[in-house]
Amino acid sequence: MKLRKVTMNLTERDVANTEYLTTRLNSRNKASTVSSALAITEGITRKIEDGGELLIKKKDGSTETLVIAGLNGANT
C-alpha cells in the first residue's frame, strides 16, 4: 500500500484522544492509531448508512442505541 504524508493541526483534546487510543488499540504509533480510528469510523458509518444501528451492551445486559451526530442512516 502506498503511503501518503498528511500534516494535521490537532487540539490538546485530539492529542489526548490519540494517546489514549494508541494504548487501547495497542498501536505501534500515533499515525497507526489515526489510521485505525478512521477505519473503525468508516465501517460504523457504512453500517449505519445501510440502515443498521450501533448498539452498546452494558454490564447489566441491557442495551442502548448509540447515536452519532451527523449520521441518520440515510445514504448521502
N, C-alpha and C. Protein backbone atom coordinates (compact mmCIF):
# COMPACT_ATOMS: atom_id res chain seq x y z
N MET A 1 0.84 -1.17 0.00
CA MET A 1 0.00 0.00 0.00
C MET A 1 0.89 1.24 0.00
N LYS A 2 0.59 2.15 -0.90
CA LYS A 2 1.35 3.38 -1.00
C LYS A 2 0.98 4.32 0.14
N LEU A 3 1.97 4.89 0.79
CA LEU A 3 1.74 5.83 1.88
C LEU A 3 1.73 7.25 1.35
N ARG A 4 0.94 8.08 1.99
CA ARG A 4 0.86 9.49 1.64
C ARG A 4 1.01 10.30 2.92
N LYS A 5 1.89 11.26 2.91
CA LYS A 5 2.12 12.08 4.09
C LYS A 5 1.03 13.13 4.22
N VAL A 6 0.51 13.25 5.44
CA VAL A 6 -0.54 14.23 5.74
C VAL A 6 -0.13 14.98 7.01
N THR A 7 -0.27 16.28 6.99
CA THR A 7 0.02 17.10 8.16
C THR A 7 -1.30 17.55 8.75
N MET A 8 -1.40 17.46 10.08
CA MET A 8 -2.65 17.83 10.74
C MET A 8 -2.37 18.76 11.91
N ASN A 9 -3.27 19.69 12.13
CA ASN A 9 -3.25 20.52 13.33
C ASN A 9 -4.27 19.93 14.29
N LEU A 10 -3.82 19.54 15.49
CA LEU A 10 -4.70 18.89 16.46
C LEU A 10 -4.81 19.73 17.72
N THR A 11 -5.98 19.69 18.32
CA THR A 11 -6.17 20.34 19.61
C THR A 11 -5.54 19.45 20.69
N GLU A 12 -5.39 19.99 21.88
CA GLU A 12 -4.88 19.20 23.01
C GLU A 12 -5.79 18.00 23.26
N ARG A 13 -7.08 18.20 23.10
CA ARG A 13 -8.04 17.10 23.27
C ARG A 13 -7.80 16.01 22.23
N ASP A 14 -7.57 16.40 20.98
CA ASP A 14 -7.29 15.43 19.93
C ASP A 14 -6.04 14.61 20.25
N VAL A 15 -5.01 15.29 20.73
CA VAL A 15 -3.75 14.62 21.08
C VAL A 15 -3.99 13.64 22.23
N ALA A 16 -4.74 14.08 23.24
CA ALA A 16 -5.05 13.21 24.38
C ALA A 16 -5.85 12.00 23.92
N ASN A 17 -6.82 12.21 23.04
CA ASN A 17 -7.61 11.09 22.50
C ASN A 17 -6.72 10.12 21.72
N THR A 18 -5.80 10.65 20.95
CA THR A 18 -4.89 9.81 20.17
C THR A 18 -3.99 9.00 21.10
N GLU A 19 -3.48 9.63 22.13
CA GLU A 19 -2.62 8.92 23.09
C GLU A 19 -3.40 7.82 23.81
N TYR A 20 -4.62 8.11 24.21
CA TYR A 20 -5.47 7.11 24.86
C TYR A 20 -5.71 5.93 23.93
N LEU A 21 -6.10 6.22 22.69
CA LEU A 21 -6.40 5.16 21.72
C LEU A 21 -5.16 4.38 21.32
N THR A 22 -4.01 5.03 21.29
CA THR A 22 -2.76 4.31 20.97
C THR A 22 -2.55 3.18 21.96
N THR A 23 -2.81 3.45 23.22
CA THR A 23 -2.68 2.42 24.26
C THR A 23 -3.78 1.37 24.13
N ARG A 24 -5.02 1.81 24.02
CA ARG A 24 -6.17 0.89 23.99
C ARG A 24 -6.16 -0.01 22.76
N LEU A 25 -5.70 0.51 21.62
CA LEU A 25 -5.68 -0.26 20.37
C LEU A 25 -4.36 -0.99 20.16
N ASN A 26 -3.44 -0.84 21.14
CA ASN A 26 -2.11 -1.46 21.02
C ASN A 26 -1.44 -1.10 19.70
N SER A 27 -1.56 0.17 19.34
CA SER A 27 -0.98 0.64 18.07
C SER A 27 0.53 0.86 18.20
N ARG A 28 1.21 0.76 17.07
CA ARG A 28 2.66 0.98 17.04
C ARG A 28 3.02 2.44 17.28
N ASN A 29 2.16 3.32 16.76
CA ASN A 29 2.44 4.75 16.87
C ASN A 29 1.14 5.53 16.64
N LYS A 30 1.22 6.83 16.77
CA LYS A 30 0.02 7.65 16.64
C LYS A 30 -0.55 7.64 15.22
N ALA A 31 0.31 7.57 14.22
CA ALA A 31 -0.18 7.51 12.84
C ALA A 31 -1.01 6.24 12.62
N SER A 32 -0.54 5.13 13.17
CA SER A 32 -1.28 3.87 13.08
C SER A 32 -2.61 3.97 13.83
N THR A 33 -2.59 4.67 14.95
CA THR A 33 -3.82 4.88 15.72
C THR A 33 -4.84 5.66 14.91
N VAL A 34 -4.42 6.75 14.29
CA VAL A 34 -5.33 7.56 13.48
C VAL A 34 -5.88 6.72 12.32
N SER A 35 -5.04 5.93 11.69
CA SER A 35 -5.48 5.07 10.60
C SER A 35 -6.53 4.07 11.09
N SER A 36 -6.29 3.45 12.25
CA SER A 36 -7.26 2.51 12.81
C SER A 36 -8.57 3.20 13.16
N ALA A 37 -8.48 4.38 13.76
CA ALA A 37 -9.68 5.12 14.14
C ALA A 37 -10.51 5.48 12.90
N LEU A 38 -9.84 5.86 11.84
CA LEU A 38 -10.55 6.18 10.59
C LEU A 38 -11.23 4.93 10.02
N ALA A 39 -10.54 3.80 10.05
CA ALA A 39 -11.11 2.56 9.52
C ALA A 39 -12.31 2.12 10.34
N ILE A 40 -12.22 2.23 11.67
CA ILE A 40 -13.33 1.87 12.55
C ILE A 40 -14.52 2.78 12.27
N THR A 41 -14.26 4.07 12.20
CA THR A 41 -15.33 5.04 11.95
C THR A 41 -15.98 4.83 10.59
N GLU A 42 -15.17 4.53 9.59
CA GLU A 42 -15.70 4.28 8.24
C GLU A 42 -16.61 3.05 8.26
N GLY A 43 -16.19 2.00 8.93
CA GLY A 43 -17.00 0.78 9.00
C GLY A 43 -18.33 1.01 9.70
N ILE A 44 -18.28 1.72 10.82
CA ILE A 44 -19.51 2.03 11.56
C ILE A 44 -20.43 2.91 10.72
N THR A 45 -19.86 3.92 10.07
CA THR A 45 -20.64 4.83 9.24
C THR A 45 -21.37 4.09 8.13
N ARG A 46 -20.66 3.19 7.44
CA ARG A 46 -21.30 2.42 6.36
C ARG A 46 -22.46 1.56 6.88
N LYS A 47 -22.27 0.92 8.02
CA LYS A 47 -23.33 0.09 8.59
C LYS A 47 -24.56 0.94 8.94
N ILE A 48 -24.35 2.11 9.52
CA ILE A 48 -25.46 2.99 9.87
C ILE A 48 -26.14 3.50 8.60
N GLU A 49 -25.35 3.87 7.60
CA GLU A 49 -25.94 4.35 6.34
C GLU A 49 -26.74 3.27 5.64
N ASP A 50 -26.40 2.00 5.88
CA ASP A 50 -27.12 0.88 5.30
C ASP A 50 -28.34 0.48 6.14
N GLY A 51 -28.67 1.30 7.13
CA GLY A 51 -29.86 1.06 7.94
C GLY A 51 -29.60 0.38 9.27
N GLY A 52 -28.34 0.14 9.59
CA GLY A 52 -28.02 -0.51 10.86
C GLY A 52 -28.03 0.47 12.02
N GLU A 53 -27.91 -0.08 13.21
CA GLU A 53 -27.82 0.71 14.43
C GLU A 53 -26.58 0.29 15.19
N LEU A 54 -26.04 1.20 15.94
CA LEU A 54 -24.89 0.91 16.79
C LEU A 54 -25.42 0.72 18.21
N LEU A 55 -25.40 -0.53 18.68
CA LEU A 55 -25.92 -0.84 20.00
C LEU A 55 -24.77 -1.11 20.96
N ILE A 56 -24.90 -0.60 22.17
CA ILE A 56 -23.92 -0.82 23.21
C ILE A 56 -24.56 -1.74 24.25
N LYS A 57 -23.89 -2.85 24.53
CA LYS A 57 -24.38 -3.75 25.56
C LYS A 57 -23.68 -3.41 26.87
N LYS A 58 -24.47 -3.08 27.88
CA LYS A 58 -23.93 -2.68 29.18
C LYS A 58 -23.63 -3.92 30.03
N LYS A 59 -22.90 -3.70 31.10
CA LYS A 59 -22.53 -4.79 32.01
C LYS A 59 -23.74 -5.53 32.55
N ASP A 60 -24.85 -4.81 32.74
CA ASP A 60 -26.05 -5.45 33.30
C ASP A 60 -26.85 -6.21 32.25
N GLY A 61 -26.36 -6.25 31.01
CA GLY A 61 -27.03 -6.98 29.94
C GLY A 61 -27.99 -6.14 29.12
N SER A 62 -28.33 -4.96 29.57
CA SER A 62 -29.22 -4.09 28.81
C SER A 62 -28.44 -3.47 27.65
N THR A 63 -29.18 -2.97 26.68
CA THR A 63 -28.54 -2.33 25.53
C THR A 63 -29.08 -0.92 25.37
N GLU A 64 -28.28 -0.10 24.73
CA GLU A 64 -28.71 1.24 24.37
C GLU A 64 -28.18 1.54 22.98
N THR A 65 -28.92 2.35 22.25
CA THR A 65 -28.52 2.75 20.91
C THR A 65 -27.62 3.96 21.01
N LEU A 66 -26.46 3.88 20.38
CA LEU A 66 -25.54 5.00 20.34
C LEU A 66 -25.82 5.80 19.08
N VAL A 67 -26.10 7.08 19.26
CA VAL A 67 -26.39 7.96 18.13
C VAL A 67 -25.15 8.81 17.88
N ILE A 68 -24.70 8.84 16.63
CA ILE A 68 -23.56 9.66 16.25
C ILE A 68 -24.08 10.87 15.48
N ALA A 69 -23.79 12.04 15.99
CA ALA A 69 -24.26 13.28 15.35
C ALA A 69 -23.84 13.32 13.90
N GLY A 70 -24.76 13.65 13.03
CA GLY A 70 -24.47 13.75 11.61
C GLY A 70 -24.81 12.49 10.83
N LEU A 71 -25.00 11.38 11.52
CA LEU A 71 -25.38 10.14 10.85
C LEU A 71 -26.83 9.82 11.21
N ASN A 72 -27.62 9.65 10.17
CA ASN A 72 -29.03 9.35 10.44
C ASN A 72 -29.50 8.10 9.70
N GLY A 73 -28.55 7.35 9.11
CA GLY A 73 -28.93 6.14 8.40
C GLY A 73 -29.29 6.36 6.94
N ALA A 74 -29.40 7.61 6.53
CA ALA A 74 -29.72 7.89 5.14
C ALA A 74 -28.45 7.90 4.30
N ASN A 75 -28.54 7.35 3.11
CA ASN A 75 -27.39 7.39 2.21
C ASN A 75 -27.15 8.82 1.75
N THR A 76 -25.90 9.25 1.84
CA THR A 76 -25.58 10.62 1.43
C THR A 76 -24.54 10.59 0.35
